[in-house]
PDB file of N, CA and C in Angstrom:
ATOM      1  N   MET A   1       0.840  -1.175   0.000  1.00  0.00           N
ATOM      2  CA  MET A   1       0.000   0.000   0.000  1.00  0.00           C
ATOM      3  C   MET A   1       0.890   1.244   0.000  1.00  0.00           C
ATOM      4  N   THR A   2       0.509   2.217  -0.788  1.00  0.00           N
ATOM      5  CA  THR A   2       1.241   3.477  -0.785  1.00  0.00           C
ATOM      6  C   THR A   2       0.296   4.603  -0.435  1.00  0.00           C
ATOM      7  N   LEU A   3       0.874   5.674   0.082  1.00  0.00           N
ATOM      8  CA  LEU A   3       0.111   6.875   0.401  1.00  0.00           C
ATOM      9  C   LEU A   3       0.928   8.045  -0.103  1.00  0.00           C
ATOM     10  N   GLY A   4       0.352   8.828  -0.965  1.00  0.00           N
ATOM     11  CA  GLY A   4       1.092   9.943  -1.531  1.00  0.00           C
ATOM     12  C   GLY A   4       2.268   9.476  -2.365  1.00  0.00           C
ATOM     13  N   GLY A   5       2.166   8.246  -2.920  1.00  0.00           N
ATOM     14  CA  GLY A   5       3.236   7.719  -3.751  1.00  0.00           C
ATOM     15  C   GLY A   5       4.389   7.143  -2.953  1.00  0.00           C
ATOM     16  N   GLU A   6       4.242   7.016  -1.654  1.00  0.00           N
ATOM     17  CA  GLU A   6       5.319   6.523  -0.790  1.00  0.00           C
ATOM     18  C   GLU A   6       4.842   5.327   0.015  1.00  0.00           C
ATOM     19  N   LYS A   7       5.730   4.345   0.151  1.00  0.00           N
ATOM     20  CA  LYS A   7       5.431   3.207   1.021  1.00  0.00           C
ATOM     21  C   LYS A   7       5.872   3.487   2.448  1.00  0.00           C
ATOM     22  N   SER A   8       6.915   4.288   2.609  1.00  0.00           N
ATOM     23  CA  SER A   8       7.441   4.592   3.936  1.00  0.00           C
ATOM     24  C   SER A   8       6.735   5.819   4.499  1.00  0.00           C
ATOM     25  N   PHE A   9       6.191   5.683   5.706  1.00  0.00           N
ATOM     26  CA  PHE A   9       5.543   6.826   6.342  1.00  0.00           C
ATOM     27  C   PHE A   9       6.544   7.948   6.613  1.00  0.00           C
ATOM     28  N   LYS A  10       7.827   7.598   6.765  1.00  0.00           N
ATOM     29  CA  LYS A  10       8.851   8.607   7.033  1.00  0.00           C
ATOM     30  C   LYS A  10       8.977   9.603   5.873  1.00  0.00           C
ATOM     31  N   ALA A  11       8.545   9.199   4.701  1.00  0.00           N
ATOM     32  CA  ALA A  11       8.662  10.065   3.527  1.00  0.00           C
ATOM     33  C   ALA A  11       7.457  10.977   3.332  1.00  0.00           C
ATOM     34  N   LEU A  12       6.482  10.923   4.225  1.00  0.00           N
ATOM     35  CA  LEU A  12       5.266  11.723   4.061  1.00  0.00           C
ATOM     36  C   LEU A  12       5.473  13.136   4.602  1.00  0.00           C
ATOM     37  N   THR A  13       6.268  13.869   3.904  1.00  0.00           N
ATOM     38  CA  THR A  13       6.592  15.251   4.242  1.00  0.00           C
ATOM     39  C   THR A  13       5.528  16.179   3.659  1.00  0.00           C
ATOM     40  N   PRO A  14       5.531  17.452   4.055  1.00  0.00           N
ATOM     41  CA  PRO A  14       4.563  18.393   3.486  1.00  0.00           C
ATOM     42  C   PRO A  14       4.566  18.431   1.962  1.00  0.00           C
ATOM     43  N   SER A  15       5.730  18.353   1.346  1.00  0.00           N
ATOM     44  CA  SER A  15       5.764  18.393  -0.122  1.00  0.00           C
ATOM     45  C   SER A  15       5.097  17.151  -0.713  1.00  0.00           C
ATOM     46  N   ARG A  16       5.211  16.026  -0.036  1.00  0.00           N
ATOM     47  CA  ARG A  16       4.558  14.801  -0.506  1.00  0.00           C
ATOM     48  C   ARG A  16       3.048  14.925  -0.379  1.00  0.00           C
ATOM     49  N   TRP A  17       2.573  15.549   0.722  1.00  0.00           N
ATOM     50  CA  TRP A  17       1.133  15.773   0.886  1.00  0.00           C
ATOM     51  C   TRP A  17       0.620  16.724  -0.184  1.00  0.00           C
ATOM     52  N   LYS A  18       1.444  17.719  -0.536  1.00  0.00           N
ATOM     53  CA  LYS A  18       1.056  18.663  -1.594  1.00  0.00           C
ATOM     54  C   LYS A  18       0.899  17.917  -2.922  1.00  0.00           C
ATOM     55  N   SER A  19       1.832  17.021  -3.224  1.00  0.00           N
ATOM     56  CA  SER A  19       1.734  16.213  -4.447  1.00  0.00           C
ATOM     57  C   SER A  19       0.484  15.342  -4.423  1.00  0.00           C
ATOM     58  N   PHE A  20       0.220  14.763  -3.257  1.00  0.00           N
ATOM     59  CA  PHE A  20      -0.977  13.938  -3.103  1.00  0.00           C
ATOM     60  C   PHE A  20      -2.233  14.767  -3.387  1.00  0.00           C
ATOM     61  N   ALA A  21      -2.294  15.958  -2.813  1.00  0.00           N
ATOM     62  CA  ALA A  21      -3.462  16.831  -3.011  1.00  0.00           C
ATOM     63  C   ALA A  21      -3.636  17.168  -4.483  1.00  0.00           C
ATOM     64  N   THR A  22      -2.540  17.471  -5.151  1.00  0.00           N
ATOM     65  CA  THR A  22      -2.596  17.810  -6.575  1.00  0.00           C
ATOM     66  C   THR A  22      -3.117  16.632  -7.391  1.00  0.00           C
ATOM     67  N   ARG A  23      -2.551  15.446  -7.158  1.00  0.00           N
ATOM     68  CA  ARG A  23      -2.979  14.261  -7.909  1.00  0.00           C
ATOM     69  C   ARG A  23      -4.431  13.910  -7.626  1.00  0.00           C
ATOM     70  N   ALA A  24      -4.859  14.113  -6.388  1.00  0.00           N
ATOM     71  CA  ALA A  24      -6.236  13.781  -6.002  1.00  0.00           C
ATOM     72  C   ALA A  24      -7.219  14.904  -6.339  1.00  0.00           C
ATOM     73  N   LYS A  25      -6.686  16.000  -6.879  1.00  0.00           N
ATOM     74  CA  LYS A  25      -7.506  17.173  -7.201  1.00  0.00           C
ATOM     75  C   LYS A  25      -8.249  17.688  -5.969  1.00  0.00           C
ATOM     76  N   LEU A  26      -7.503  17.748  -4.859  1.00  0.00           N
ATOM     77  CA  LEU A  26      -8.031  18.255  -3.598  1.00  0.00           C
ATOM     78  C   LEU A  26      -7.315  19.542  -3.231  1.00  0.00           C
ATOM     79  N   SER A  27      -7.910  20.312  -2.397  1.00  0.00           N
ATOM     80  CA  SER A  27      -7.286  21.533  -1.910  1.00  0.00           C
ATOM     81  C   SER A  27      -6.082  21.172  -1.059  1.00  0.00           C
ATOM     82  N   GLU A  28      -4.937  21.761  -1.383  1.00  0.00           N
ATOM     83  CA  GLU A  28      -3.726  21.521  -0.596  1.00  0.00           C
ATOM     84  C   GLU A  28      -3.951  21.898   0.859  1.00  0.00           C
ATOM     85  N   THR A  29      -4.594  23.034   1.087  1.00  0.00           N
ATOM     86  CA  THR A  29      -4.866  23.497   2.440  1.00  0.00           C
ATOM     87  C   THR A  29      -5.722  22.491   3.202  1.00  0.00           C
ATOM     88  N   SER A  30      -6.739  21.946   2.546  1.00  0.00           N
ATOM     89  CA  SER A  30      -7.620  20.964   3.198  1.00  0.00           C
ATOM     90  C   SER A  30      -6.867  19.688   3.547  1.00  0.00           C
ATOM     91  N   VAL A  31      -6.022  19.230   2.641  1.00  0.00           N
ATOM     92  CA  VAL A  31      -5.242  18.014   2.902  1.00  0.00           C
ATOM     93  C   VAL A  31      -4.294  18.246   4.068  1.00  0.00           C
ATOM     94  N   LEU A  32      -3.574  19.363   4.054  1.00  0.00           N
ATOM     95  CA  LEU A  32      -2.634  19.651   5.129  1.00  0.00           C
ATOM     96  C   LEU A  32      -3.348  19.836   6.462  1.00  0.00           C
ATOM     97  N   ARG A  33      -4.508  20.457   6.431  1.00  0.00           N
ATOM     98  CA  ARG A  33      -5.297  20.621   7.659  1.00  0.00           C
ATOM     99  C   ARG A  33      -5.733  19.253   8.193  1.00  0.00           C
ATOM    100  N   ALA A  34      -6.168  18.362   7.301  1.00  0.00           N
ATOM    101  CA  ALA A  34      -6.578  17.022   7.721  1.00  0.00           C
ATOM    102  C   ALA A  34      -5.399  16.258   8.332  1.00  0.00           C
ATOM    103  N   VAL A  35      -4.214  16.408   7.739  1.00  0.00           N
ATOM    104  CA  VAL A  35      -3.022  15.752   8.287  1.00  0.00           C
ATOM    105  C   VAL A  35      -2.730  16.304   9.682  1.00  0.00           C
ATOM    106  N   MET A  36      -2.747  17.637   9.825  1.00  0.00           N
ATOM    107  CA  MET A  36      -2.470  18.253  11.128  1.00  0.00           C
ATOM    108  C   MET A  36      -3.466  17.785  12.184  1.00  0.00           C
ATOM    109  N   GLU A  37      -4.740  17.768  11.824  1.00  0.00           N
ATOM    110  CA  GLU A  37      -5.770  17.364  12.785  1.00  0.00           C
ATOM    111  C   GLU A  37      -5.616  15.900  13.174  1.00  0.00           C
ATOM    112  N   THR A  38      -5.306  15.046  12.205  1.00  0.00           N
ATOM    113  CA  THR A  38      -5.144  13.623  12.478  1.00  0.00           C
ATOM    114  C   THR A  38      -3.941  13.375  13.380  1.00  0.00           C
ATOM    115  N   VAL A  39      -2.827  14.019  13.074  1.00  0.00           N
ATOM    116  CA  VAL A  39      -1.620  13.878  13.894  1.00  0.00           C
ATOM    117  C   VAL A  39      -1.905  14.338  15.320  1.00  0.00           C
ATOM    118  N   ALA A  40      -2.558  15.469  15.457  1.00  0.00           N
ATOM    119  CA  ALA A  40      -2.861  16.001  16.789  1.00  0.00           C
ATOM    120  C   ALA A  40      -3.782  15.052  17.561  1.00  0.00           C
ATOM    121  N   LEU A  41      -4.809  14.535  16.899  1.00  0.00           N
ATOM    122  CA  LEU A  41      -5.735  13.614  17.576  1.00  0.00           C
ATOM    123  C   LEU A  41      -5.043  12.330  18.014  1.00  0.00           C
ATOM    124  N   VAL A  42      -4.263  11.735  17.115  1.00  0.00           N
ATOM    125  CA  VAL A  42      -3.561  10.499  17.472  1.00  0.00           C
ATOM    126  C   VAL A  42      -2.621  10.762  18.636  1.00  0.00           C
ATOM    127  N   ASN A  43      -1.855  11.834  18.542  1.00  0.00           N
ATOM    128  CA  ASN A  43      -0.880  12.148  19.589  1.00  0.00           C
ATOM    129  C   ASN A  43      -1.558  12.472  20.916  1.00  0.00           C
ATOM    130  N   ASP A  44      -2.688  13.132  20.879  1.00  0.00           N
ATOM    131  CA  ASP A  44      -3.410  13.457  22.118  1.00  0.00           C
ATOM    132  C   ASP A  44      -4.098  12.232  22.721  1.00  0.00           C
ATOM    133  N   GLU A  45      -4.732  11.437  21.884  1.00  0.00           N
ATOM    134  CA  GLU A  45      -5.582  10.347  22.375  1.00  0.00           C
ATOM    135  C   GLU A  45      -4.819   9.075  22.727  1.00  0.00           C
ATOM    136  N   TRP A  46      -3.786   8.739  21.969  1.00  0.00           N
ATOM    137  CA  TRP A  46      -3.106   7.463  22.202  1.00  0.00           C
ATOM    138  C   TRP A  46      -2.591   7.339  23.633  1.00  0.00           C
ATOM    139  N   TRP A  47      -2.001   8.382  24.143  1.00  0.00           N
ATOM    140  CA  TRP A  47      -1.338   8.323  25.442  1.00  0.00           C
ATOM    141  C   TRP A  47      -2.312   8.180  26.605  1.00  0.00           C
ATOM    142  N   ARG A  48      -3.572   8.560  26.404  1.00  0.00           N
ATOM    143  CA  ARG A  48      -4.542   8.447  27.501  1.00  0.00           C
ATOM    144  C   ARG A  48      -5.670   7.463  27.196  1.00  0.00           C
ATOM    145  N   LEU A  49      -5.534   6.721  26.139  1.00  0.00           N
ATOM    146  CA  LEU A  49      -6.539   5.742  25.739  1.00  0.00           C
ATOM    147  C   LEU A  49      -6.609   4.623  26.785  1.00  0.00           C
ATOM    148  N   PRO A  50      -7.785   4.381  27.387  1.00  0.00           N
ATOM    149  CA  PRO A  50      -7.880   3.346  28.422  1.00  0.00           C
ATOM    150  C   PRO A  50      -7.484   1.954  27.906  1.00  0.00           C
ATOM    151  N   GLU A  51      -7.804   1.665  26.658  1.00  0.00           N
ATOM    152  CA  GLU A  51      -7.519   0.348  26.079  1.00  0.00           C
ATOM    153  C   GLU A  51      -6.030   0.145  25.799  1.00  0.00           C
ATOM    154  N   ARG A  52      -5.273   1.202  25.890  1.00  0.00           N
ATOM    155  CA  ARG A  52      -3.841   1.137  25.636  1.00  0.00           C
ATOM    156  C   ARG A  52      -3.173   0.075  26.510  1.00  0.00           C
ATOM    157  N   ASP A  53      -3.631  -0.060  27.746  1.00  0.00           N
ATOM    158  CA  ASP A  53      -3.052  -1.035  28.671  1.00  0.00           C
ATOM    159  C   ASP A  53      -3.363  -2.484  28.267  1.00  0.00           C
ATOM    160  N   LEU A  54      -4.340  -2.672  27.404  1.00  0.00           N
ATOM    161  CA  LEU A  54      -4.676  -4.016  26.941  1.00  0.00           C
ATOM    162  C   LEU A  54      -3.716  -4.501  25.854  1.00  0.00           C
ATOM    163  N   VAL A  55      -3.010  -3.585  25.234  1.00  0.00           N
ATOM    164  CA  VAL A  55      -2.062  -3.938  24.181  1.00  0.00           C
ATOM    165  C   VAL A  55      -0.815  -4.509  24.854  1.00  0.00           C
ATOM    166  N   PRO A  56      -0.349  -5.679  24.406  1.00  0.00           N
ATOM    167  CA  PRO A  56       0.859  -6.251  25.016  1.00  0.00           C
ATOM    168  C   PRO A  56       2.018  -5.248  24.998  1.00  0.00           C
ATOM    169  N   GLU A  57       2.784  -5.231  26.075  1.00  0.00           N
ATOM    170  CA  GLU A  57       3.825  -4.212  26.253  1.00  0.00           C
ATOM    171  C   GLU A  57       4.797  -4.094  25.077  1.00  0.00           C
ATOM    172  N   PRO A  58       5.296  -5.199  24.512  1.00  0.00           N
ATOM    173  CA  PRO A  58       6.232  -5.035  23.386  1.00  0.00           C
ATOM    174  C   PRO A  58       5.593  -4.318  22.184  1.00  0.00           C
ATOM    175  N   ILE A  59       4.332  -4.631  21.935  1.00  0.00           N
ATOM    176  CA  ILE A  59       3.627  -3.983  20.820  1.00  0.00           C
ATOM    177  C   ILE A  59       3.331  -2.532  21.166  1.00  0.00           C
ATOM    178  N   ARG A  60       2.899  -2.303  22.395  1.00  0.00           N
ATOM    179  CA  ARG A  60       2.618  -0.932  22.844  1.00  0.00           C
ATOM    180  C   ARG A  60       3.888  -0.077  22.736  1.00  0.00           C
ATOM    181  N   ASN A  61       5.022  -0.625  23.121  1.00  0.00           N
ATOM    182  CA  ASN A  61       6.289   0.110  23.020  1.00  0.00           C
ATOM    183  C   ASN A  61       6.626   0.451  21.572  1.00  0.00           C
ATOM    184  N   GLN A  62       6.333  -0.482  20.662  1.00  0.00           N
ATOM    185  CA  GLN A  62       6.571  -0.206  19.240  1.00  0.00           C
ATOM    186  C   GLN A  62       5.653   0.904  18.732  1.00  0.00           C
ATOM    187  N   ILE A  63       4.389   0.851  19.140  1.00  0.00           N
ATOM    188  CA  ILE A  63       3.442   1.895  18.742  1.00  0.00           C
ATOM    189  C   ILE A  63       3.877   3.240  19.329  1.00  0.00           C
ATOM    190  N   ASP A  64       4.259   3.236  20.604  1.00  0.00           N
ATOM    191  CA  ASP A  64       4.743   4.466  21.246  1.00  0.00           C
ATOM    192  C   ASP A  64       5.905   5.063  20.457  1.00  0.00           C
ATOM    193  N   SER A  65       6.874   4.213  20.132  1.00  0.00           N
ATOM    194  CA  SER A  65       8.057   4.675  19.394  1.00  0.00           C
ATOM    195  C   SER A  65       7.667   5.222  18.026  1.00  0.00           C
ATOM    196  N   HIS A  66       6.745   4.526  17.366  1.00  0.00           N
ATOM    197  CA  HIS A  66       6.317   4.959  16.032  1.00  0.00           C
ATOM    198  C   HIS A  66       5.618   6.319  16.102  1.00  0.00           C
ATOM    199  N   ILE A  67       4.751   6.503  17.078  1.00  0.00           N
ATOM    200  CA  ILE A  67       4.052   7.788  17.224  1.00  0.00           C
ATOM    201  C   ILE A  67       5.053   8.895  17.534  1.00  0.00           C
ATOM    202  N   LYS A  68       5.987   8.621  18.439  1.00  0.00           N
ATOM    203  CA  LYS A  68       7.006   9.630  18.776  1.00  0.00           C
ATOM    204  C   LYS A  68       7.864   9.988  17.561  1.00  0.00           C
ATOM    205  N   MET A  69       8.170   8.997  16.732  1.00  0.00           N
ATOM    206  CA  MET A  69       8.993   9.242  15.547  1.00  0.00           C
ATOM    207  C   MET A  69       8.204   9.984  14.463  1.00  0.00           C
ATOM    208  N   MET A  70       6.943   9.595  14.272  1.00  0.00           N
ATOM    209  CA  MET A  70       6.173  10.120  13.153  1.00  0.00           C
ATOM    210  C   MET A  70       5.551  11.488  13.422  1.00  0.00           C
ATOM    211  N   THR A  71       5.278  11.823  14.667  1.00  0.00           N
ATOM    212  CA  THR A  71       4.624  13.104  14.961  1.00  0.00           C
ATOM    213  C   THR A  71       5.389  14.281  14.375  1.00  0.00           C
ATOM    214  N   PRO A  72       6.711  14.398  14.595  1.00  0.00           N
ATOM    215  CA  PRO A  72       7.399  15.547  13.988  1.00  0.00           C
ATOM    216  C   PRO A  72       7.469  15.467  12.462  1.00  0.00           C
ATOM    217  N   ILE A  73       7.525  14.261  11.917  1.00  0.00           N
ATOM    218  CA  ILE A  73       7.587  14.115  10.457  1.00  0.00           C
ATOM    219  C   ILE A  73       6.275  14.554   9.826  1.00  0.00           C
ATOM    220  N   LEU A  74       5.168  14.144  10.436  1.00  0.00           N
ATOM    221  CA  LEU A  74       3.852  14.455   9.873  1.00  0.00           C
ATOM    222  C   LEU A  74       3.318  15.818  10.293  1.00  0.00           C
ATOM    223  N   SER A  75       3.964  16.442  11.249  1.00  0.00           N
ATOM    224  CA  SER A  75       3.511  17.764  11.671  1.00  0.00           C
ATOM    225  C   SER A  75       3.838  18.771  10.581  1.00  0.00           C
ATOM    226  N   VAL A  76       2.822  19.328  10.023  1.00  0.00           N
ATOM    227  CA  VAL A  76       2.997  20.237   8.887  1.00  0.00           C
ATOM    228  C   VAL A  76       2.706  21.683   9.295  1.00  0.00           C
ATOM    229  N   HIS A  77       2.652  21.955  10.604  1.00  0.00           N
ATOM    230  CA  HIS A  77       2.313  23.292  11.087  1.00  0.00           C
ATOM    231  C   HIS A  77       3.237  24.363  10.488  1.00  0.00           C
ATOM    232  N   GLU A  78       4.537  24.148  10.560  1.00  0.00           N
ATOM    233  CA  GLU A  78       5.485  25.151  10.066  1.00  0.00           C
ATOM    234  C   GLU A  78       5.332  25.356   8.565  1.00  0.00           C
ATOM    235  N   TYR A  79       5.110  24.260   7.858  1.00  0.00           N
ATOM    236  CA  TYR A  79       4.921  24.353   6.411  1.00  0.00           C
ATOM    237  C   TYR A  79       3.670  25.168   6.094  1.00  0.00           C
ATOM    238  N   VAL A  80       2.602  24.901   6.815  1.00  0.00           N
ATOM    239  CA  VAL A  80       1.342  25.622   6.573  1.00  0.00           C
ATOM    240  C   VAL A  80       1.518  27.104   6.881  1.00  0.00           C
ATOM    241  N   LYS A  81       2.195  27.425   7.993  1.00  0.00           N
ATOM    242  CA  LYS A  81       2.434  28.834   8.332  1.00  0.00           C
ATOM    243  C   LYS A  81       3.218  29.527   7.228  1.00  0.00           C
ATOM    244  N   ALA A  82       4.299  28.898   6.798  1.00  0.00           N
ATOM    245  CA  ALA A  82       5.138  29.495   5.753  1.00  0.00           C
ATOM    246  C   ALA A  82       4.357  29.630   4.451  1.00  0.00           C
ATOM    247  N   HIS A  83       3.580  28.598   4.114  1.00  0.00           N
ATOM    248  CA  HIS A  83       2.803  28.620   2.880  1.00  0.00           C
ATOM    249  C   HIS A  83       1.731  29.716   2.942  1.00  0.00           C
ATOM    250  N   SER A  84       1.103  29.881   4.098  1.00  0.00           N
ATOM    251  CA  SER A  84       0.076  30.913   4.258  1.00  0.00           C
ATOM    252  C   SER A  84       0.684  32.306   4.097  1.00  0.00           C
ATOM    253  N   LYS A  85       1.848  32.520   4.705  1.00  0.00           N
ATOM    254  CA  LYS A  85       2.524  33.817   4.566  1.00  0.00           C
ATOM    255  C   LYS A  85       2.877  34.079   3.118  1.00  0.00           C
ATOM    256  N   GLN A  86       3.371  33.031   2.431  1.00  0.00           N
ATOM    257  CA  GLN A  86       3.742  33.174   1.027  1.00  0.00           C
ATOM    258  C   GLN A  86       2.517  33.511   0.182  1.00  0.00           C
ATOM    259  N   GLN A  87       1.395  32.844   0.456  1.00  0.00           N
ATOM    260  CA  GLN A  87       0.168  33.116  -0.289  1.00  0.00           C
ATOM    261  C   GLN A  87      -0.320  34.538  -0.051  1.00  0.00           C
ATOM    262  N   ARG A  88      -0.250  35.006   1.201  1.00  0.00           N
ATOM    263  CA  ARG A  88      -0.688  36.365   1.503  1.00  0.00           C
ATOM    264  C   ARG A  88       0.193  37.378   0.769  1.00  0.00           C
ATOM    265  N   SER A  89       1.500  37.116   0.733  1.00  0.00           N
ATOM    266  CA  SER A  89       2.413  38.011   0.023  1.00  0.00           C
ATOM    267  C   SER A  89       2.096  38.038  -1.458  1.00  0.00           C
ATOM    268  N   THR A  90       1.822  36.873  -2.026  1.00  0.00           N
ATOM    269  CA  THR A  90       1.483  36.778  -3.438  1.00  0.00           C
ATOM    270  C   THR A  90       0.183  37.518  -3.720  1.00  0.00           C
ATOM    271  N   ASN A  91      -0.812  37.333  -2.852  1.00  0.00           N
ATOM    272  CA  ASN A  91      -2.105  37.989  -3.035  1.00  0.00           C
ATOM    273  C   ASN A  91      -1.976  39.506  -2.919  1.00  0.00           C
ATOM    274  N   LYS A  92      -1.140  39.993  -1.996  1.00  0.00           N
ATOM    275  CA  LYS A  92      -0.939  41.427  -1.863  1.00  0.00           C
ATOM    276  C   LYS A  92      -0.322  41.989  -3.117  1.00  0.00           C
ATOM    277  N   GLY A  93       0.678  41.264  -3.651  1.00  0.00           N
ATOM    278  CA  GLY A  93       1.334  41.720  -4.871  1.00  0.00           C
ATOM    279  C   GLY A  93       0.389  41.740  -6.059  1.00  0.00           C
ATOM    280  N   THR A  94      -0.514  40.778  -6.119  1.00  0.00           N
ATOM    281  CA  THR A  94      -1.478  40.699  -7.213  1.00  0.00           C
ATOM    282  C   THR A  94      -2.546  41.785  -7.079  1.00  0.00           C
ATOM    283  N   SER A  95      -2.998  42.028  -5.851  1.00  0.00           N
ATOM    284  CA  SER A  95      -4.079  42.986  -5.660  1.00  0.00           C
ATOM    285  C   SER A  95      -3.614  44.421  -5.875  1.00  0.00           C
ATOM    286  N   SER A  96      -2.299  44.683  -5.680  1.00  0.00           N
ATOM    287  CA  SER A  96      -1.826  46.046  -5.865  1.00  0.00           C
ATOM    288  C   SER A  96      -1.596  46.378  -7.328  1.00  0.00           C
ATOM    289  N   ARG A  97      -1.569  45.339  -8.157  1.00  0.00           N
ATOM    290  CA  ARG A  97      -1.458  45.598  -9.602  1.00  0.00           C
ATOM    291  C   ARG A  97      -2.838  45.908 -10.120  1.00  0.00           C
ATOM    292  N   GLY A  98      -2.960  46.916 -10.800  1.00  0.00           N
ATOM    293  CA  GLY A  98      -4.315  47.235 -11.146  1.00  0.00           C
ATOM    294  C   GLY A  98      -4.625  47.270 -12.517  1.00  0.00           C
TER     295      GLY A  98
END
């Protein structure tokens, strides 16, 4: 299975999500927002999930490690901020041309 053309989750960077949005004919902003919300929910909920204790410790440790590793990779907050600033700058430049 691939996501955004990648088999490795480590490769799912903001630019890969942008490519995914383009190929899927979806709004880049919507895709990035969905990624941010999903990452935040998983990171918030996993650690306090009551059923977490039912998962055998070796598997739980692997999931913990994977979430800790993937959260910064999938966090697209900085990319979205930079992209938003760039879009605003572009829009200002376009609107001042008359």
